[in-house]
PDB file of N, CA and C in Angstrom:
ATOM      1  N   MET A   1      85.131 125.488  95.971  1.00  0.00           N
ATOM      2  CA  MET A   1      86.206 126.366  95.581  1.00  0.00           C
ATOM      3  C   MET A   1      86.120 127.698  96.300  1.00  0.00           C
ATOM      4  N   THR A   2      84.912 128.132  96.588  1.00  0.00           N
ATOM      5  CA  THR A   2      84.733 129.401  97.277  1.00  0.00           C
ATOM      6  C   THR A   2      85.441 129.390  98.629  1.00  0.00           C
ATOM      7  N   MET A   3      85.364 128.275  99.345  1.00  0.00           N
ATOM      8  CA  MET A   3      86.016 128.175 100.644  1.00  0.00           C
ATOM      9  C   MET A   3      87.530 128.264 100.501  1.00  0.00           C
ATOM     10  N   LEU A   4      88.087 127.607  99.497  1.00  0.00           N
ATOM     11  CA  LEU A   4      89.537 127.668  99.288  1.00  0.00           C
ATOM     12  C   LEU A   4      89.991 129.097  99.002  1.00  0.00           C
ATOM     13  N   ARG A   5      89.225 129.807  98.213  1.00  0.00           N
ATOM     14  CA  ARG A   5      89.576 131.208  97.924  1.00  0.00           C
ATOM     15  C   ARG A   5      89.451 132.072  99.173  1.00  0.00           C
ATOM     16  N   ALA A   6      88.451 131.805  99.990  1.00  0.00           N
ATOM     17  CA  ALA A   6      88.267 132.568 101.228  1.00  0.00           C
ATOM     18  C   ALA A   6      89.415 132.323 102.201  1.00  0.00           C
ATOM     19  N   VAL A   7      89.861 131.085 102.309  1.00  0.00           N
ATOM     20  CA  VAL A   7      90.999 130.766 103.181  1.00  0.00           C
ATOM     21  C   VAL A   7      92.234 131.526 102.706  1.00  0.00           C
ATOM     22  N   ALA A   8      92.465 131.528 101.394  1.00  0.00           N
ATOM     23  CA  ALA A   8      93.620 132.238 100.847  1.00  0.00           C
ATOM     24  C   ALA A   8      93.505 133.742 101.100  1.00  0.00           C
ATOM     25  N   LYS A   9      92.333 134.287 100.890  1.00  0.00           N
ATOM     26  CA  LYS A   9      92.116 135.726 101.083  1.00  0.00           C
ATOM     27  C   LYS A   9      92.400 136.140 102.527  1.00  0.00           C
ATOM     28  N   ASN A  10      92.072 135.258 103.461  1.00  0.00           N
ATOM     29  CA  ASN A  10      92.280 135.564 104.878  1.00  0.00           C
ATOM     30  C   ASN A  10      93.672 135.167 105.376  1.00  0.00           C
ATOM     31  N   GLY A  11      94.506 134.678 104.488  1.00  0.00           N
ATOM     32  CA  GLY A  11      95.870 134.319 104.858  1.00  0.00           C
ATOM     33  C   GLY A  11      96.004 132.966 105.534  1.00  0.00           C
ATOM     34  N   GLY A  12      94.970 132.131 105.452  1.00  0.00           N
ATOM     35  CA  GLY A  12      95.002 130.826 106.110  1.00  0.00           C
ATOM     36  C   GLY A  12      95.701 129.759 105.297  1.00  0.00           C
ATOM     37  N   VAL A  13      95.750 128.579 105.867  1.00  0.00           N
ATOM     38  CA  VAL A  13      96.377 127.426 105.228  1.00  0.00           C
ATOM     39  C   VAL A  13      95.392 126.253 105.276  1.00  0.00           C
ATOM     40  N   VAL A  14      95.238 125.569 104.162  1.00  0.00           N
ATOM     41  CA  VAL A  14      94.409 124.371 104.079  1.00  0.00           C
ATOM     42  C   VAL A  14      95.315 123.179 104.330  1.00  0.00           C
ATOM     43  N   GLN A  15      95.064 122.451 105.402  1.00  0.00           N
ATOM     44  CA  GLN A  15      95.862 121.275 105.735  1.00  0.00           C
ATOM     45  C   GLN A  15      95.275 120.063 105.010  1.00  0.00           C
ATOM     46  N   VAL A  16      96.045 119.439 104.151  1.00  0.00           N
ATOM     47  CA  VAL A  16      95.602 118.271 103.403  1.00  0.00           C
ATOM     48  C   VAL A  16      95.791 117.036 104.284  1.00  0.00           C
ATOM     49  N   ASN A  17      94.683 116.404 104.622  1.00  0.00           N
ATOM     50  CA  ASN A  17      94.707 115.193 105.427  1.00  0.00           C
ATOM     51  C   ASN A  17      94.772 114.005 104.487  1.00  0.00           C
ATOM     52  N   PHE A  18      95.554 112.995 104.830  1.00  0.00           N
ATOM     53  CA  PHE A  18      95.732 111.848 103.954  1.00  0.00           C
ATOM     54  C   PHE A  18      94.697 110.744 104.176  1.00  0.00           C
ATOM     55  N   PHE A  19      93.830 110.905 105.128  1.00  0.00           N
ATOM     56  CA  PHE A  19      92.837 109.902 105.484  1.00  0.00           C
ATOM     57  C   PHE A  19      91.834 109.755 104.348  1.00  0.00           C
ATOM     58  N   PHE A  20      91.741 108.569 103.736  1.00  0.00           N
ATOM     59  CA  PHE A  20      90.914 108.440 102.538  1.00  0.00           C
ATOM     60  C   PHE A  20      89.433 108.263 102.822  1.00  0.00           C
ATOM     61  N   ARG A  21      89.017 108.230 104.085  1.00  0.00           N
ATOM     62  CA  ARG A  21      87.592 108.087 104.367  1.00  0.00           C
ATOM     63  C   ARG A  21      86.881 109.436 104.390  1.00  0.00           C
ATOM     64  N   LEU A  22      87.560 110.499 104.042  1.00  0.00           N
ATOM     65  CA  LEU A  22      86.939 111.818 104.059  1.00  0.00           C
ATOM     66  C   LEU A  22      85.878 111.907 102.965  1.00  0.00           C
ATOM     67  N   PRO A  23      84.865 112.763 103.134  1.00  0.00           N
ATOM     68  CA  PRO A  23      83.811 112.897 102.131  1.00  0.00           C
ATOM     69  C   PRO A  23      84.389 113.227 100.753  1.00  0.00           C
ATOM     70  N   GLY A  24      83.771 112.669  99.736  1.00  0.00           N
ATOM     71  CA  GLY A  24      84.176 112.960  98.375  1.00  0.00           C
ATOM     72  C   GLY A  24      85.302 112.086  97.856  1.00  0.00           C
ATOM     73  N   ARG A  25      85.891 111.285  98.702  1.00  0.00           N
ATOM     74  CA  ARG A  25      86.959 110.419  98.228  1.00  0.00           C
ATOM     75  C   ARG A  25      86.350 109.259  97.463  1.00  0.00           C
ATOM     76  N   ARG A  26      87.035 108.811  96.462  1.00  0.00           N
ATOM     77  CA  ARG A  26      86.529 107.819  95.522  1.00  0.00           C
ATOM     78  C   ARG A  26      86.168 106.485  96.172  1.00  0.00           C
ATOM     79  N   LEU A  27      86.752 106.152  97.282  1.00  0.00           N
ATOM     80  CA  LEU A  27      86.508 104.836  97.874  1.00  0.00           C
ATOM     81  C   LEU A  27      85.365 104.796  98.877  1.00  0.00           C
ATOM     82  N   SER A  28      84.552 105.813  98.915  1.00  0.00           N
ATOM     83  CA  SER A  28      83.489 105.826  99.923  1.00  0.00           C
ATOM     84  C   SER A  28      82.546 104.631  99.776  1.00  0.00           C
ATOM     85  N   GLN A  29      82.290 104.178  98.554  1.00  0.00           N
ATOM     86  CA  GLN A  29      81.426 103.013  98.363  1.00  0.00           C
ATOM     87  C   GLN A  29      82.084 101.749  98.898  1.00  0.00           C
ATOM     88  N   GLY A  30      83.375 101.594  98.648  1.00  0.00           N
ATOM     89  CA  GLY A  30      84.103 100.443  99.171  1.00  0.00           C
ATOM     90  C   GLY A  30      84.102 100.436 100.684  1.00  0.00           C
ATOM     91  N   LEU A  31      84.233 101.599 101.269  1.00  0.00           N
ATOM     92  CA  LEU A  31      84.217 101.702 102.721  1.00  0.00           C
ATOM     93  C   LEU A  31      82.832 101.363 103.261  1.00  0.00           C
ATOM     94  N   ALA A  32      81.793 101.856 102.594  1.00  0.00           N
ATOM     95  CA  ALA A  32      80.433 101.562 103.040  1.00  0.00           C
ATOM     96  C   ALA A  32      80.168 100.057 103.000  1.00  0.00           C
ATOM     97  N   ALA A  33      80.650  99.398 101.950  1.00  0.00           N
ATOM     98  CA  ALA A  33      80.471  97.947 101.848  1.00  0.00           C
ATOM     99  C   ALA A  33      81.221  97.237 102.966  1.00  0.00           C
ATOM    100  N   GLN A  34      82.437  97.678 103.266  1.00  0.00           N
ATOM    101  CA  GLN A  34      83.226  97.060 104.332  1.00  0.00           C
ATOM    102  C   GLN A  34      82.576  97.300 105.686  1.00  0.00           C
ATOM    103  N   ALA A  35      81.999  98.475 105.884  1.00  0.00           N
ATOM    104  CA  ALA A  35      81.375  98.799 107.167  1.00  0.00           C
ATOM    105  C   ALA A  35      80.252  97.823 107.496  1.00  0.00           C
ATOM    106  N   LYS A  36      79.629  97.245 106.469  1.00  0.00           N
ATOM    107  CA  LYS A  36      78.542  96.297 106.689  1.00  0.00           C
ATOM    108  C   LYS A  36      79.051  94.903 107.056  1.00  0.00           C
ATOM    109  N   THR A  37      80.356  94.653 106.891  1.00  0.00           N
ATOM    110  CA  THR A  37      80.888  93.318 107.132  1.00  0.00           C
ATOM    111  C   THR A  37      81.041  92.984 108.600  1.00  0.00           C
ATOM    112  N   LYS A  38      81.102  93.968 109.445  1.00  0.00           N
ATOM    113  CA  LYS A  38      81.199  93.708 110.883  1.00  0.00           C
ATOM    114  C   LYS A  38      80.787  94.969 111.624  1.00  0.00           C
ATOM    115  N   PRO A  39      80.287  94.817 112.812  1.00  0.00           N
ATOM    116  CA  PRO A  39      79.922  96.011 113.557  1.00  0.00           C
ATOM    117  C   PRO A  39      81.169  96.800 113.932  1.00  0.00           C
ATOM    118  N   PRO A  40      81.046  98.108 114.124  1.00  0.00           N
ATOM    119  CA  PRO A  40      82.209  98.898 114.520  1.00  0.00           C
ATOM    120  C   PRO A  40      82.804  98.344 115.809  1.00  0.00           C
ATOM    121  N   ARG A  41      84.106  98.372 115.903  1.00  0.00           N
ATOM    122  CA  ARG A  41      84.777  97.872 117.104  1.00  0.00           C
ATOM    123  C   ARG A  41      84.444  98.760 118.291  1.00  0.00           C
ATOM    124  N   SER A  42      84.492  98.174 119.445  1.00  0.00           N
ATOM    125  CA  SER A  42      84.266  98.956 120.653  1.00  0.00           C
ATOM    126  C   SER A  42      85.551  98.982 121.449  1.00  0.00           C
ATOM    127  N   ARG A  43      85.552  99.674 122.526  1.00  0.00           N
ATOM    128  CA  ARG A  43      86.747  99.760 123.366  1.00  0.00           C
ATOM    129  C   ARG A  43      86.895  98.538 124.262  1.00  0.00           C
ATOM    130  N   SER A  44      86.071  97.533 124.054  1.00  0.00           N
ATOM    131  CA  SER A  44      86.221  96.286 124.788  1.00  0.00           C
ATOM    132  C   SER A  44      86.034  95.133 123.821  1.00  0.00           C
ATOM    133  N   ILE A  45      86.480  93.986 124.206  1.00  0.00           N
ATOM    134  CA  ILE A  45      86.436  92.817 123.339  1.00  0.00           C
ATOM    135  C   ILE A  45      85.997  91.608 124.174  1.00  0.00           C
ATOM    136  N   SER A  46      85.204  90.733 123.574  1.00  0.00           N
ATOM    137  CA  SER A  46      84.766  89.540 124.292  1.00  0.00           C
ATOM    138  C   SER A  46      85.921  88.569 124.446  1.00  0.00           C
ATOM    139  N   ILE A  47      86.013  87.970 125.587  1.00  0.00           N
ATOM    140  CA  ILE A  47      86.999  86.920 125.800  1.00  0.00           C
ATOM    141  C   ILE A  47      86.235  85.605 125.916  1.00  0.00           C
ATOM    142  N   PRO A  48      86.902  84.458 125.791  1.00  0.00           N
ATOM    143  CA  PRO A  48      86.206  83.165 125.688  1.00  0.00           C
ATOM    144  C   PRO A  48      85.123  82.898 126.729  1.00  0.00           C
ATOM    145  N   CYS A  49      85.270  83.353 127.954  1.00  0.00           N
ATOM    146  CA  CYS A  49      84.267  83.029 128.968  1.00  0.00           C
ATOM    147  C   CYS A  49      83.057  83.967 128.904  1.00  0.00           C
ATOM    148  N   GLY A  50      83.019  84.864 127.902  1.00  0.00           N
ATOM    149  CA  GLY A  50      81.852  85.715 127.718  1.00  0.00           C
ATOM    150  C   GLY A  50      81.961  87.081 128.374  1.00  0.00           C
ATOM    151  N   ARG A  51      82.949  87.284 129.212  1.00  0.00           N
ATOM    152  CA  ARG A  51      83.125  88.612 129.815  1.00  0.00           C
ATOM    153  C   ARG A  51      83.752  89.541 128.783  1.00  0.00           C
ATOM    154  N   ARG A  52      83.604  90.823 129.000  1.00  0.00           N
ATOM    155  CA  ARG A  52      84.245  91.805 128.125  1.00  0.00           C
ATOM    156  C   ARG A  52      85.442  92.380 128.861  1.00  0.00           C
ATOM    157  N   GLN A  53      86.496  92.616 128.127  1.00  0.00           N
ATOM    158  CA  GLN A  53      87.734  93.098 128.701  1.00  0.00           C
ATOM    159  C   GLN A  53      88.160  94.363 127.946  1.00  0.00           C
ATOM    160  N   PRO A  54      88.636  95.398 128.646  1.00  0.00           N
ATOM    161  CA  PRO A  54      89.099  96.608 127.942  1.00  0.00           C
ATOM    162  C   PRO A  54      90.234  96.287 126.970  1.00  0.00           C
ATOM    163  N   VAL A  55      90.284  97.043 125.888  1.00  0.00           N
ATOM    164  CA  VAL A  55      91.306  96.845 124.868  1.00  0.00           C
ATOM    165  C   VAL A  55      92.240  98.051 124.889  1.00  0.00           C
ATOM    166  N   ASN A  56      93.536  97.805 124.882  1.00  0.00           N
ATOM    167  CA  ASN A  56      94.486  98.916 124.883  1.00  0.00           C
ATOM    168  C   ASN A  56      94.662  99.475 123.473  1.00  0.00           C
ATOM    169  N   TYR A  57      95.363 100.597 123.381  1.00  0.00           N
ATOM    170  CA  TYR A  57      95.540 101.274 122.102  1.00  0.00           C
ATOM    171  C   TYR A  57      96.189 100.376 121.051  1.00  0.00           C
ATOM    172  N   ILE A  58      97.183  99.604 121.447  1.00  0.00           N
ATOM    173  CA  ILE A  58      97.888  98.749 120.487  1.00  0.00           C
ATOM    174  C   ILE A  58      96.926  97.743 119.861  1.00  0.00           C
ATOM    175  N   GLU A  59      96.046  97.161 120.665  1.00  0.00           N
ATOM    176  CA  GLU A  59      95.079  96.201 120.153  1.00  0.00           C
ATOM    177  C   GLU A  59      94.030  96.884 119.268  1.00  0.00           C
ATOM    178  N   VAL A  60      93.563  98.053 119.679  1.00  0.00           N
ATOM    179  CA  VAL A  60      92.595  98.800 118.865  1.00  0.00           C
ATOM    180  C   VAL A  60      93.221  99.138 117.514  1.00  0.00           C
ATOM    181  N   ASN A  61      94.460  99.588 117.526  1.00  0.00           N
ATOM    182  CA  ASN A  61      95.152  99.931 116.294  1.00  0.00           C
ATOM    183  C   ASN A  61      95.280  98.699 115.399  1.00  0.00           C
ATOM    184  N   ARG A  62      95.627  97.546 115.981  1.00  0.00           N
ATOM    185  CA  ARG A  62      95.747  96.311 115.208  1.00  0.00           C
ATOM    186  C   ARG A  62      94.408  95.938 114.575  1.00  0.00           C
ATOM    187  N   LEU A  63      93.326  96.036 115.345  1.00  0.00           N
ATOM    188  CA  LEU A  63      92.000  95.712 114.826  1.00  0.00           C
ATOM    189  C   LEU A  63      91.604  96.666 113.700  1.00  0.00           C
ATOM    190  N   ASP A  64      91.885  97.946 113.894  1.00  0.00           N
ATOM    191  CA  ASP A  64      91.580  98.933 112.855  1.00  0.00           C
ATOM    192  C   ASP A  64      92.347  98.642 111.571  1.00  0.00           C
ATOM    193  N   ARG A  65      93.633  98.361 111.697  1.00  0.00           N
ATOM    194  CA  ARG A  65      94.459  98.081 110.515  1.00  0.00           C
ATOM    195  C   ARG A  65      93.986  96.813 109.798  1.00  0.00           C
ATOM    196  N   GLU A  66      93.615  95.809 110.565  1.00  0.00           N
ATOM    197  CA  GLU A  66      93.124  94.565 109.978  1.00  0.00           C
ATOM    198  C   GLU A  66      91.843  94.824 109.188  1.00  0.00           C
ATOM    199  N   TRP A  67      90.945  95.616 109.758  1.00  0.00           N
ATOM    200  CA  TRP A  67      89.688  95.933 109.094  1.00  0.00           C
ATOM    201  C   TRP A  67      89.918  96.793 107.859  1.00  0.00           C
ATOM    202  N   MET A  68      90.778  97.823 107.984  1.00  0.00           N
ATOM    203  CA  MET A  68      91.041  98.724 106.864  1.00  0.00           C
ATOM    204  C   MET A  68      91.788  98.024 105.731  1.00  0.00           C
ATOM    205  N   ALA A  69      92.559  96.979 106.023  1.00  0.00           N
ATOM    206  CA  ALA A  69      93.310  96.263 104.994  1.00  0.00           C
ATOM    207  C   ALA A  69      92.389  95.600 103.983  1.00  0.00           C
ATOM    208  N   LYS A  70      91.134  95.428 104.328  1.00  0.00           N
ATOM    209  CA  LYS A  70      90.171  94.806 103.422  1.00  0.00           C
ATOM    210  C   LYS A  70      89.618  95.792 102.401  1.00  0.00           C
ATOM    211  N   ILE A  71      89.941  97.073 102.567  1.00  0.00           N
ATOM    212  CA  ILE A  71      89.460  98.107 101.651  1.00  0.00           C
ATOM    213  C   ILE A  71      90.643  98.558 100.798  1.00  0.00           C
ATOM    214  N   PRO A  72      90.511  98.560  99.486  1.00  0.00           N
ATOM    215  CA  PRO A  72      91.628  99.002  98.652  1.00  0.00           C
ATOM    216  C   PRO A  72      91.989 100.457  98.955  1.00  0.00           C
ATOM    217  N   ARG A  73      93.273 100.718  99.044  1.00  0.00           N
ATOM    218  CA  ARG A  73      93.734 102.087  99.283  1.00  0.00           C
ATOM    219  C   ARG A  73      93.696 102.867  97.977  1.00  0.00           C
ATOM    220  N   PRO A  74      93.375 104.162  98.048  1.00  0.00           N
ATOM    221  CA  PRO A  74      93.351 104.956  96.817  1.00  0.00           C
ATOM    222  C   PRO A  74      94.759 105.120  96.259  1.00  0.00           C
ATOM    223  N   PRO A  75      94.859 105.384  94.970  1.00  0.00           N
ATOM    224  CA  PRO A  75      96.182 105.579  94.386  1.00  0.00           C
ATOM    225  C   PRO A  75      96.832 106.861  94.911  1.00  0.00           C
ATOM    226  N   PHE A  76      98.141 106.851  94.952  1.00  0.00           N
ATOM    227  CA  PHE A  76      98.927 108.006  95.381  1.00  0.00           C
ATOM    228  C   PHE A  76      98.557 109.241  94.555  1.00  0.00           C
ATOM    229  N   LYS A  77      98.252 109.041  93.288  1.00  0.00           N
ATOM    230  CA  LYS A  77      97.884 110.136  92.379  1.00  0.00           C
ATOM    231  C   LYS A  77      96.701 110.941  92.924  1.00  0.00           C
ATOM    232  N   ASP A  78      95.760 110.284  93.588  1.00  0.00           N
ATOM    233  CA  ASP A  78      94.601 111.005  94.133  1.00  0.00           C
ATOM    234  C   ASP A  78      95.029 112.051  95.161  1.00  0.00           C
ATOM    235  N   LEU A  79      95.998 111.696  95.996  1.00  0.00           N
ATOM    236  CA  LEU A  79      96.513 112.643  96.982  1.00  0.00           C
ATOM    237  C   LEU A  79      97.184 113.821  96.281  1.00  0.00           C
ATOM    238  N   ILE A  80      97.987 113.536  95.285  1.00  0.00           N
ATOM    239  CA  ILE A  80      98.684 114.596  94.550  1.00  0.00           C
ATOM    240  C   ILE A  80      97.675 115.483  93.819  1.00  0.00           C
ATOM    241  N   ASP A  81      96.638 114.885  93.233  1.00  0.00           N
ATOM    242  CA  ASP A  81      95.579 115.672  92.579  1.00  0.00           C
ATOM    243  C   ASP A  81      94.925 116.627  93.574  1.00  0.00           C
ATOM    244  N   HIS A  82      94.681 116.149  94.774  1.00  0.00           N
ATOM    245  CA  HIS A  82      94.033 116.950  95.812  1.00  0.00           C
ATOM    246  C   HIS A  82      94.918 118.142  96.200  1.00  0.00           C
ATOM    247  N   ILE A  83      96.187 117.874  96.441  1.00  0.00           N
ATOM    248  CA  ILE A  83      97.129 118.945  96.794  1.00  0.00           C
ATOM    249  C   ILE A  83      97.235 119.938  95.643  1.00  0.00           C
ATOM    250  N   ASP A  84      97.350 119.434  94.438  1.00  0.00           N
ATOM    251  CA  ASP A  84      97.484 120.281  93.252  1.00  0.00           C
ATOM    252  C   ASP A  84      96.258 121.175  93.069  1.00  0.00           C
ATOM    253  N   HIS A  85      95.081 120.628  93.299  1.00  0.00           N
ATOM    254  CA  HIS A  85      93.848 121.414  93.172  1.00  0.00           C
ATOM    255  C   HIS A  85      93.837 122.580  94.162  1.00  0.00           C
ATOM    256  N   ILE A  86      94.170 122.310  95.399  1.00  0.00           N
ATOM    257  CA  ILE A  86      94.190 123.376  96.410  1.00  0.00           C
ATOM    258  C   ILE A  86      95.210 124.442  96.031  1.00  0.00           C
ATOM    259  N   ALA A  87      96.377 124.008  95.562  1.00  0.00           N
ATOM    260  CA  ALA A  87      97.415 124.965  95.162  1.00  0.00           C
ATOM    261  C   ALA A  87      96.941 125.842  94.001  1.00  0.00           C
ATOM    262  N   LYS A  88      96.233 125.246  93.057  1.00  0.00           N
ATOM    263  CA  LYS A  88      95.756 126.014  91.904  1.00  0.00           C
ATOM    264  C   LYS A  88      94.660 127.013  92.294  1.00  0.00           C
ATOM    265  N   VAL A  89      93.810 126.645  93.250  1.00  0.00           N
ATOM    266  CA  VAL A  89      92.698 127.520  93.637  1.00  0.00           C
ATOM    267  C   VAL A  89      93.107 128.542  94.696  1.00  0.00           C
ATOM    268  N   ALA A  90      93.759 128.077  95.753  1.00  0.00           N
ATOM    269  CA  ALA A  90      94.101 128.957  96.867  1.00  0.00           C
ATOM    270  C   ALA A  90      95.498 129.550  96.747  1.00  0.00           C
ATOM    271  N   GLY A  91      96.381 128.877  96.030  1.00  0.00           N
ATOM    272  CA  GLY A  91      97.767 129.316  95.898  1.00  0.00           C
ATOM    273  C   GLY A  91      98.684 128.438  96.738  1.00  0.00           C
ATOM    274  N   ILE A  92      99.920 128.302  96.285  1.00  0.00           N
ATOM    275  CA  ILE A  92     100.840 127.384  96.964  1.00  0.00           C
ATOM    276  C   ILE A  92     101.171 127.802  98.385  1.00  0.00           C
ATOM    277  N   ASP A  93     101.049 129.074  98.685  1.00  0.00           N
ATOM    278  CA  ASP A  93     101.342 129.530 100.046  1.00  0.00           C
ATOM    279  C   ASP A  93     100.252 129.147 101.043  1.00  0.00           C
ATOM    280  N   HIS A  94      99.182 128.564 100.560  1.00  0.00           N
ATOM    281  CA  HIS A  94      98.036 128.245 101.417  1.00  0.00           C
ATOM    282  C   HIS A  94      97.753 126.743 101.492  1.00  0.00           C
ATOM    283  N   VAL A  95      98.758 125.930 101.161  1.00  0.00           N
ATOM    284  CA  VAL A  95      98.616 124.475 101.224  1.00  0.00           C
ATOM    285  C   VAL A  95      99.559 123.934 102.292  1.00  0.00           C
ATOM    286  N   GLY A  96      99.015 123.137 103.190  1.00  0.00           N
ATOM    287  CA  GLY A  96      99.822 122.466 104.205  1.00  0.00           C
ATOM    288  C   GLY A  96      99.536 120.979 104.168  1.00  0.00           C
ATOM    289  N   LEU A  97     100.416 120.200 104.764  1.00  0.00           N
ATOM    290  CA  LEU A  97     100.225 118.758 104.814  1.00  0.00           C
ATOM    291  C   LEU A  97      99.919 118.357 106.248  1.00  0.00           C
ATOM    292  N   GLY A  98      98.720 117.846 106.471  1.00  0.00           N
ATOM    293  CA  GLY A  98      98.303 117.369 107.780  1.00  0.00           C
ATOM    294  C   GLY A  98      98.056 115.874 107.694  1.00  0.00           C
ATOM    295  N   SER A  99      99.091 115.117 107.494  1.00  0.00           N
ATOM    296  CA  SER A  99      98.992 113.702 107.166  1.00  0.00           C
ATOM    297  C   SER A  99      98.139 112.890 108.132  1.00  0.00           C
ATOM    298  N   ASP A 100      98.221 113.163 109.413  1.00  0.00           N
ATOM    299  CA  ASP A 100      97.502 112.414 110.450  1.00  0.00           C
ATOM    300  C   ASP A 100      97.962 110.961 110.517  1.00  0.00           C
ATOM    301  N   PHE A 101      99.252 110.721 110.253  1.00  0.00           N
ATOM    302  CA  PHE A 101      99.783 109.361 110.318  1.00  0.00           C
ATOM    303  C   PHE A 101      99.563 108.709 111.678  1.00  0.00           C
ATOM    304  N   ASP A 102      99.470 109.526 112.724  1.00  0.00           N
ATOM    305  CA  ASP A 102      99.348 108.965 114.073  1.00  0.00           C
ATOM    306  C   ASP A 102      97.940 108.523 114.431  1.00  0.00           C
ATOM    307  N   GLY A 103      96.982 108.673 113.529  1.00  0.00           N
ATOM    308  CA  GLY A 103      95.632 108.316 113.919  1.00  0.00           C
ATOM    309  C   GLY A 103      94.754 107.723 112.843  1.00  0.00           C
ATOM    310  N   VAL A 104      95.312 107.366 111.697  1.00  0.00           N
ATOM    311  CA  VAL A 104      94.452 106.880 110.626  1.00  0.00           C
ATOM    312  C   VAL A 104      94.559 105.385 110.369  1.00  0.00           C
ATOM    313  N   SER A 105      95.352 104.686 111.111  1.00  0.00           N
ATOM    314  CA  SER A 105      95.417 103.214 111.089  1.00  0.00           C
ATOM    315  C   SER A 105      95.452 102.601 109.695  1.00  0.00           C
ATOM    316  N   GLY A 106      96.397 103.001 108.884  1.00  0.00           N
ATOM    317  CA  GLY A 106      96.569 102.371 107.575  1.00  0.00           C
ATOM    318  C   GLY A 106      95.582 102.808 106.526  1.00  0.00           C
ATOM    319  N   ALA A 107      94.909 103.913 106.738  1.00  0.00           N
ATOM    320  CA  ALA A 107      93.890 104.374 105.799  1.00  0.00           C
ATOM    321  C   ALA A 107      94.410 105.514 104.933  1.00  0.00           C
ATOM    322  N   THR A 108      95.654 105.416 104.504  1.00  0.00           N
ATOM    323  CA  THR A 108      96.257 106.452 103.679  1.00  0.00           C
ATOM    324  C   THR A 108      96.395 105.945 102.244  1.00  0.00           C
ATOM    325  N   PRO A 109      96.642 106.842 101.294  1.00  0.00           N
ATOM    326  CA  PRO A 109      96.821 106.396  99.907  1.00  0.00           C
ATOM    327  C   PRO A 109      98.021 105.455  99.758  1.00  0.00           C
ATOM    328  N   GLN A 110      98.019 104.720  98.684  1.00  0.00           N
ATOM    329  CA  GLN A 110      99.115 103.793  98.386  1.00  0.00           C
ATOM    330  C   GLN A 110     100.442 104.544  98.406  1.00  0.00           C
ATOM    331  N   GLY A 111     101.430 103.942  99.045  1.00  0.00           N
ATOM    332  CA  GLY A 111     102.753 104.539  99.065  1.00  0.00           C
ATOM    333  C   GLY A 111     102.980 105.576 100.148  1.00  0.00           C
ATOM    334  N   MET A 112     101.950 105.913 100.913  1.00  0.00           N
ATOM    335  CA  MET A 112     102.083 106.891 101.993  1.00  0.00           C
ATOM    336  C   MET A 112     101.841 106.175 103.316  1.00  0.00           C
ATOM    337  N   ASP A 113     102.880 105.542 103.825  1.00  0.00           N
ATOM    338  CA  ASP A 113     102.752 104.732 105.025  1.00  0.00           C
ATOM    339  C   ASP A 113     103.321 105.389 106.275  1.00  0.00           C
ATOM    340  N   SER A 114     104.207 106.358 106.088  1.00  0.00           N
ATOM    341  CA  SER A 114     104.818 107.037 107.235  1.00  0.00           C
ATOM    342  C   SER A 114     105.426 108.347 106.767  1.00  0.00           C
ATOM    343  N   ALA A 115     105.964 109.097 107.712  1.00  0.00           N
ATOM    344  CA  ALA A 115     106.610 110.367 107.381  1.00  0.00           C
ATOM    345  C   ALA A 115     107.796 110.162 106.441  1.00  0.00           C
ATOM    346  N   ALA A 116     108.361 108.969 106.434  1.00  0.00           N
ATOM    347  CA  ALA A 116     109.477 108.678 105.528  1.00  0.00           C
ATOM    348  C   ALA A 116     109.055 108.771 104.059  1.00  0.00           C
ATOM    349  N   ASP A 117     107.749 108.710 103.790  1.00  0.00           N
ATOM    350  CA  ASP A 117     107.248 108.780 102.420  1.00  0.00           C
ATOM    351  C   ASP A 117     106.929 110.200 101.961  1.00  0.00           C
ATOM    352  N   LEU A 118     107.037 111.178 102.823  1.00  0.00           N
ATOM    353  CA  LEU A 118     106.701 112.559 102.460  1.00  0.00           C
ATOM    354  C   LEU A 118     107.501 113.099 101.271  1.00  0.00           C
ATOM    355  N   PRO A 119     108.779 112.758 101.100  1.00  0.00           N
ATOM    356  CA  PRO A 119     109.499 113.252  99.920  1.00  0.00           C
ATOM    357  C   PRO A 119     108.868 112.829  98.589  1.00  0.00           C
ATOM    358  N   LYS A 120     108.085 111.761  98.590  1.00  0.00           N
ATOM    359  CA  LYS A 120     107.400 111.328  97.366  1.00  0.00           C
ATOM    360  C   LYS A 120     106.439 112.409  96.877  1.00  0.00           C
ATOM    361  N   ILE A 121     105.842 113.142  97.828  1.00  0.00           N
ATOM    362  CA  ILE A 121     104.909 114.206  97.457  1.00  0.00           C
ATOM    363  C   ILE A 121     105.664 115.317  96.739  1.00  0.00           C
ATOM    364  N   THR A 122     106.779 115.729  97.312  1.00  0.00           N
ATOM    365  CA  THR A 122     107.593 116.774  96.686  1.00  0.00           C
ATOM    366  C   THR A 122     107.986 116.363  95.279  1.00  0.00           C
ATOM    367  N   GLN A 123     108.455 115.132  95.133  1.00  0.00           N
ATOM    368  CA  GLN A 123     108.885 114.664  93.806  1.00  0.00           C
ATOM    369  C   GLN A 123     107.725 114.633  92.831  1.00  0.00           C
ATOM    370  N   ALA A 124     106.571 114.140  93.261  1.00  0.00           N
ATOM    371  CA  ALA A 124     105.409 114.070  92.364  1.00  0.00           C
ATOM    372  C   ALA A 124     104.964 115.462  91.932  1.00  0.00           C
ATOM    373  N   LEU A 125     104.991 116.416  92.843  1.00  0.00           N
ATOM    374  CA  LEU A 125     104.607 117.784  92.479  1.00  0.00           C
ATOM    375  C   LEU A 125     105.642 118.416  91.572  1.00  0.00           C
ATOM    376  N   LEU A 126     106.917 118.153  91.801  1.00  0.00           N
ATOM    377  CA  LEU A 126     107.972 118.654  90.901  1.00  0.00           C
ATOM    378  C   LEU A 126     107.808 118.046  89.514  1.00  0.00           C
ATOM    379  N   ASP A 127     107.455 116.765  89.454  1.00  0.00           N
ATOM    380  CA  ASP A 127     107.253 116.102  88.166  1.00  0.00           C
ATOM    381  C   ASP A 127     106.106 116.743  87.373  1.00  0.00           C
ATOM    382  N   ARG A 128     105.136 117.292  88.089  1.00  0.00           N
ATOM    383  CA  ARG A 128     104.003 117.969  87.430  1.00  0.00           C
ATOM    384  C   ARG A 128     104.351 119.394  87.012  1.00  0.00           C
ATOM    385  N   GLY A 129     105.453 119.880  87.528  1.00  0.00           N
ATOM    386  CA  GLY A 129     105.871 121.242  87.185  1.00  0.00           C
ATOM    387  C   GLY A 129     105.353 122.263  88.149  1.00  0.00           C
TER     388      GLY A 129
END
């Protein structure tokens, strides 16, 4: 909490990232268990004859999404709780949304799949008052 107050005091903004693998998120144990199921992907992939071939971004993204799909996504409420906490400690003028949709490969809370879902955050916060 001290850091949130310091950011507010200095006029900064805390960008809330939607990536659920961040420290302190409830699913860290589930992620740790999944991490043991296969070695981390590399930038190359074995092909049938045993040679390794470079993998393009689209393939890496597909592999990441396939792997992340095995881990339950946190509830949307967790994201709203996080935003609400920062607003209560630092103030609403010091909360930003840094979704990182372009780099988290399906590792966002339930219901937050793209920028088209951002209005859900506004509605959930309005519902809380």
